[in-house]
Amino acid sequence: MRYLLLLALVALAACTEASASRVDERTFRIEGPGVPGGSDAPNKRLASRVCPHGYRLLDSASNKGGPDRAIDNPDTMTTWTIRCL
């Protein structure tokens, strides 16, 4: 029973991490959980890993996550579009 609980916690922790996807040669989209305090800066750790020589923020958007937005879902997803320098 303890192993099942530990496995569930690890699976939930993996869902809260940001992920990056390539849009074109130097442009990436970073999707992740909302940033506390409403910051519009991207996930700096992931952005610096994707663009080691720096990046420029092109766009940012926040919305309520989940497949059905009609249900009150407290999880906010933020999407940043960055371009590597």
N, C-alpha and C. Protein backbone atom coordinates (compact mmCIF):
# COMPACT_ATOMS: atom_id res chain seq x y z
N MET A 1 0.82 -1.19 0.00
CA MET A 1 0.00 0.00 0.00
C MET A 1 0.88 1.27 0.00
N ARG A 2 1.98 1.22 0.74
CA ARG A 2 2.86 2.38 0.81
C ARG A 2 3.50 2.65 -0.55
N TYR A 3 3.85 1.59 -1.27
CA TYR A 3 4.47 1.76 -2.58
C TYR A 3 3.49 2.39 -3.58
N LEU A 4 2.23 2.02 -3.47
CA LEU A 4 1.22 2.60 -4.34
C LEU A 4 1.05 4.09 -4.07
N LEU A 5 1.07 4.48 -2.80
CA LEU A 5 0.98 5.88 -2.44
C LEU A 5 2.21 6.65 -2.93
N LEU A 6 3.39 6.08 -2.79
CA LEU A 6 4.61 6.70 -3.26
C LEU A 6 4.60 6.86 -4.78
N LEU A 7 4.13 5.85 -5.49
CA LEU A 7 4.03 5.92 -6.94
C LEU A 7 3.05 7.00 -7.37
N ALA A 8 1.94 7.14 -6.68
CA ALA A 8 0.96 8.18 -7.00
C ALA A 8 1.54 9.57 -6.77
N LEU A 9 2.32 9.76 -5.71
CA LEU A 9 2.93 11.06 -5.44
C LEU A 9 3.96 11.42 -6.50
N VAL A 10 4.74 10.45 -6.94
CA VAL A 10 5.73 10.69 -7.99
C VAL A 10 5.03 11.05 -9.30
N ALA A 11 3.95 10.38 -9.61
CA ALA A 11 3.21 10.66 -10.85
C ALA A 11 2.60 12.06 -10.81
N LEU A 12 2.09 12.47 -9.66
CA LEU A 12 1.53 13.82 -9.54
C LEU A 12 2.61 14.89 -9.61
N ALA A 13 3.77 14.62 -9.06
CA ALA A 13 4.87 15.59 -9.12
C ALA A 13 5.35 15.78 -10.55
N ALA A 14 5.30 14.76 -11.35
CA ALA A 14 5.73 14.87 -12.73
C ALA A 14 4.79 15.74 -13.55
N CYS A 15 3.54 15.83 -13.14
CA CYS A 15 2.55 16.64 -13.87
C CYS A 15 2.74 18.13 -13.63
N THR A 16 3.47 18.52 -12.61
CA THR A 16 3.61 19.93 -12.28
C THR A 16 4.86 20.56 -12.88
N GLU A 17 5.63 19.81 -13.63
CA GLU A 17 6.85 20.35 -14.23
C GLU A 17 6.55 20.99 -15.58
N ALA A 18 7.38 21.95 -15.95
CA ALA A 18 7.23 22.61 -17.24
C ALA A 18 7.83 21.75 -18.34
N SER A 19 7.31 21.93 -19.55
CA SER A 19 7.85 21.20 -20.70
C SER A 19 8.02 22.17 -21.86
N ALA A 20 8.99 21.90 -22.71
CA ALA A 20 9.27 22.77 -23.85
C ALA A 20 9.05 21.99 -25.14
N SER A 21 8.50 22.67 -26.13
CA SER A 21 8.32 22.07 -27.45
C SER A 21 8.82 23.06 -28.50
N ARG A 22 9.40 22.54 -29.55
CA ARG A 22 9.98 23.38 -30.61
C ARG A 22 8.88 23.84 -31.55
N VAL A 23 8.86 25.16 -31.84
CA VAL A 23 7.92 25.72 -32.81
C VAL A 23 8.61 25.83 -34.16
N ASP A 24 9.79 26.42 -34.19
CA ASP A 24 10.62 26.43 -35.39
C ASP A 24 12.08 26.36 -34.97
N GLU A 25 12.99 26.78 -35.82
CA GLU A 25 14.41 26.58 -35.57
C GLU A 25 14.89 27.17 -34.25
N ARG A 26 14.50 28.41 -33.94
CA ARG A 26 14.96 29.06 -32.72
C ARG A 26 13.84 29.43 -31.77
N THR A 27 12.61 29.03 -32.04
CA THR A 27 11.46 29.40 -31.23
C THR A 27 10.94 28.17 -30.49
N PHE A 28 10.67 28.35 -29.19
CA PHE A 28 10.16 27.27 -28.35
C PHE A 28 8.94 27.74 -27.59
N ARG A 29 8.06 26.79 -27.28
CA ARG A 29 6.89 27.06 -26.45
C ARG A 29 7.08 26.29 -25.15
N ILE A 30 7.04 27.01 -24.03
CA ILE A 30 7.19 26.41 -22.71
C ILE A 30 5.83 26.41 -22.05
N GLU A 31 5.36 25.23 -21.65
CA GLU A 31 4.07 25.09 -20.97
C GLU A 31 4.34 24.56 -19.58
N GLY A 32 3.71 25.19 -18.61
CA GLY A 32 3.92 24.74 -17.24
C GLY A 32 2.90 25.33 -16.30
N PRO A 33 3.04 25.00 -15.03
CA PRO A 33 2.11 25.53 -14.04
C PRO A 33 2.29 27.04 -13.88
N GLY A 34 1.27 27.70 -13.40
CA GLY A 34 1.34 29.14 -13.18
C GLY A 34 2.45 29.52 -12.22
N VAL A 35 2.98 30.70 -12.40
CA VAL A 35 4.06 31.19 -11.55
C VAL A 35 3.44 31.96 -10.39
N PRO A 36 3.85 31.69 -9.15
CA PRO A 36 3.30 32.43 -8.02
C PRO A 36 3.56 33.92 -8.15
N GLY A 37 2.59 34.70 -7.77
CA GLY A 37 2.73 36.15 -7.83
C GLY A 37 2.37 36.73 -9.18
N GLY A 38 1.95 35.88 -10.13
CA GLY A 38 1.52 36.36 -11.43
C GLY A 38 2.64 36.88 -12.31
N SER A 39 3.85 36.41 -12.13
CA SER A 39 4.97 36.84 -12.95
C SER A 39 4.75 36.44 -14.41
N ASP A 40 5.20 37.29 -15.33
CA ASP A 40 5.07 36.95 -16.74
C ASP A 40 6.38 36.44 -17.33
N ALA A 41 7.38 36.19 -16.49
CA ALA A 41 8.66 35.64 -16.95
C ALA A 41 8.54 34.13 -17.12
N PRO A 42 9.18 33.57 -18.13
CA PRO A 42 9.09 32.11 -18.32
C PRO A 42 9.86 31.35 -17.26
N ASN A 43 9.69 30.07 -17.24
CA ASN A 43 10.42 29.19 -16.35
C ASN A 43 11.90 29.33 -16.70
N LYS A 44 12.64 30.05 -15.90
CA LYS A 44 14.02 30.42 -16.24
C LYS A 44 14.95 29.22 -16.32
N ARG A 45 14.74 28.23 -15.51
CA ARG A 45 15.61 27.05 -15.54
C ARG A 45 15.46 26.31 -16.87
N LEU A 46 14.23 26.10 -17.28
CA LEU A 46 13.99 25.41 -18.54
C LEU A 46 14.38 26.28 -19.74
N ALA A 47 14.10 27.58 -19.67
CA ALA A 47 14.46 28.48 -20.78
C ALA A 47 15.97 28.55 -20.96
N SER A 48 16.73 28.57 -19.88
CA SER A 48 18.19 28.63 -20.02
C SER A 48 18.76 27.29 -20.49
N ARG A 49 18.07 26.20 -20.21
CA ARG A 49 18.52 24.90 -20.70
C ARG A 49 18.24 24.77 -22.21
N VAL A 50 17.10 25.31 -22.67
CA VAL A 50 16.75 25.25 -24.08
C VAL A 50 17.56 26.27 -24.88
N CYS A 51 17.76 27.46 -24.32
CA CYS A 51 18.52 28.53 -25.00
C CYS A 51 19.70 28.94 -24.12
N PRO A 52 20.83 28.24 -24.21
CA PRO A 52 21.96 28.53 -23.31
C PRO A 52 22.59 29.90 -23.51
N HIS A 53 22.42 30.53 -24.67
CA HIS A 53 23.02 31.84 -24.93
C HIS A 53 22.04 32.98 -24.73
N GLY A 54 20.90 32.71 -24.12
CA GLY A 54 19.91 33.74 -23.85
C GLY A 54 18.66 33.58 -24.71
N TYR A 55 17.60 34.28 -24.32
CA TYR A 55 16.34 34.18 -25.02
C TYR A 55 15.59 35.51 -24.91
N ARG A 56 14.59 35.65 -25.76
CA ARG A 56 13.71 36.82 -25.73
C ARG A 56 12.29 36.30 -25.64
N LEU A 57 11.49 36.88 -24.74
CA LEU A 57 10.10 36.48 -24.57
C LEU A 57 9.26 37.09 -25.68
N LEU A 58 8.57 36.25 -26.44
CA LEU A 58 7.71 36.73 -27.51
C LEU A 58 6.26 36.87 -27.07
N ASP A 59 5.77 35.90 -26.29
CA ASP A 59 4.37 35.91 -25.89
C ASP A 59 4.19 35.10 -24.62
N SER A 60 3.21 35.47 -23.82
CA SER A 60 2.85 34.68 -22.65
C SER A 60 1.34 34.70 -22.50
N ALA A 61 0.80 33.57 -22.04
CA ALA A 61 -0.64 33.45 -21.85
C ALA A 61 -0.91 32.53 -20.67
N SER A 62 -1.91 32.85 -19.89
CA SER A 62 -2.31 32.02 -18.75
C SER A 62 -3.78 31.65 -18.93
N ASN A 63 -4.10 30.41 -18.58
CA ASN A 63 -5.50 29.98 -18.62
C ASN A 63 -5.71 28.88 -17.61
N LYS A 64 -6.96 28.63 -17.35
CA LYS A 64 -7.31 27.54 -16.45
C LYS A 64 -7.09 26.24 -17.19
N GLY A 65 -6.35 25.33 -16.58
CA GLY A 65 -6.07 24.05 -17.22
C GLY A 65 -7.23 23.10 -17.10
N GLY A 66 -7.07 21.96 -17.67
CA GLY A 66 -8.09 20.93 -17.60
C GLY A 66 -8.86 20.79 -18.89
N PRO A 67 -9.39 19.58 -19.13
CA PRO A 67 -10.12 19.35 -20.37
C PRO A 67 -11.47 20.06 -20.42
N ASP A 68 -12.08 20.30 -19.27
CA ASP A 68 -13.39 20.95 -19.24
C ASP A 68 -13.28 22.23 -18.44
N ARG A 69 -13.23 23.36 -19.12
CA ARG A 69 -13.06 24.64 -18.43
C ARG A 69 -14.32 25.10 -17.73
N ALA A 70 -15.47 24.45 -18.00
CA ALA A 70 -16.70 24.83 -17.32
C ALA A 70 -16.65 24.44 -15.85
N ILE A 71 -15.88 23.41 -15.55
CA ILE A 71 -15.71 22.99 -14.15
C ILE A 71 -14.68 23.92 -13.52
N ASP A 72 -14.95 24.36 -12.30
CA ASP A 72 -14.02 25.27 -11.63
C ASP A 72 -12.75 24.51 -11.29
N ASN A 73 -11.70 24.78 -12.04
CA ASN A 73 -10.41 24.10 -11.87
C ASN A 73 -9.40 25.11 -11.34
N PRO A 74 -8.85 24.90 -10.14
CA PRO A 74 -7.92 25.88 -9.56
C PRO A 74 -6.55 25.89 -10.21
N ASP A 75 -6.22 24.90 -11.04
CA ASP A 75 -4.90 24.83 -11.65
C ASP A 75 -4.81 25.79 -12.83
N THR A 76 -3.81 26.64 -12.80
CA THR A 76 -3.58 27.59 -13.89
C THR A 76 -2.38 27.12 -14.68
N MET A 77 -2.53 27.06 -16.00
CA MET A 77 -1.43 26.71 -16.89
C MET A 77 -0.94 27.97 -17.57
N THR A 78 0.35 28.12 -17.69
CA THR A 78 0.94 29.27 -18.35
C THR A 78 1.76 28.79 -19.54
N THR A 79 1.63 29.50 -20.65
CA THR A 79 2.36 29.16 -21.87
C THR A 79 3.19 30.36 -22.28
N TRP A 80 4.49 30.14 -22.45
CA TRP A 80 5.41 31.20 -22.89
C TRP A 80 5.97 30.80 -24.24
N THR A 81 6.14 31.76 -25.12
CA THR A 81 6.81 31.53 -26.39
C THR A 81 8.10 32.35 -26.35
N ILE A 82 9.25 31.67 -26.49
CA ILE A 82 10.55 32.34 -26.43
C ILE A 82 11.31 32.09 -27.72
N ARG A 83 12.23 33.00 -28.04
CA ARG A 83 13.11 32.85 -29.19
C ARG A 83 14.55 32.93 -28.69
N CYS A 84 15.35 31.95 -29.07
CA CYS A 84 16.76 31.92 -28.66
C CYS A 84 17.54 33.00 -29.40
N LEU A 85 18.49 33.61 -28.70
CA LEU A 85 19.35 34.63 -29.31
C LEU A 85 20.50 34.02 -30.06
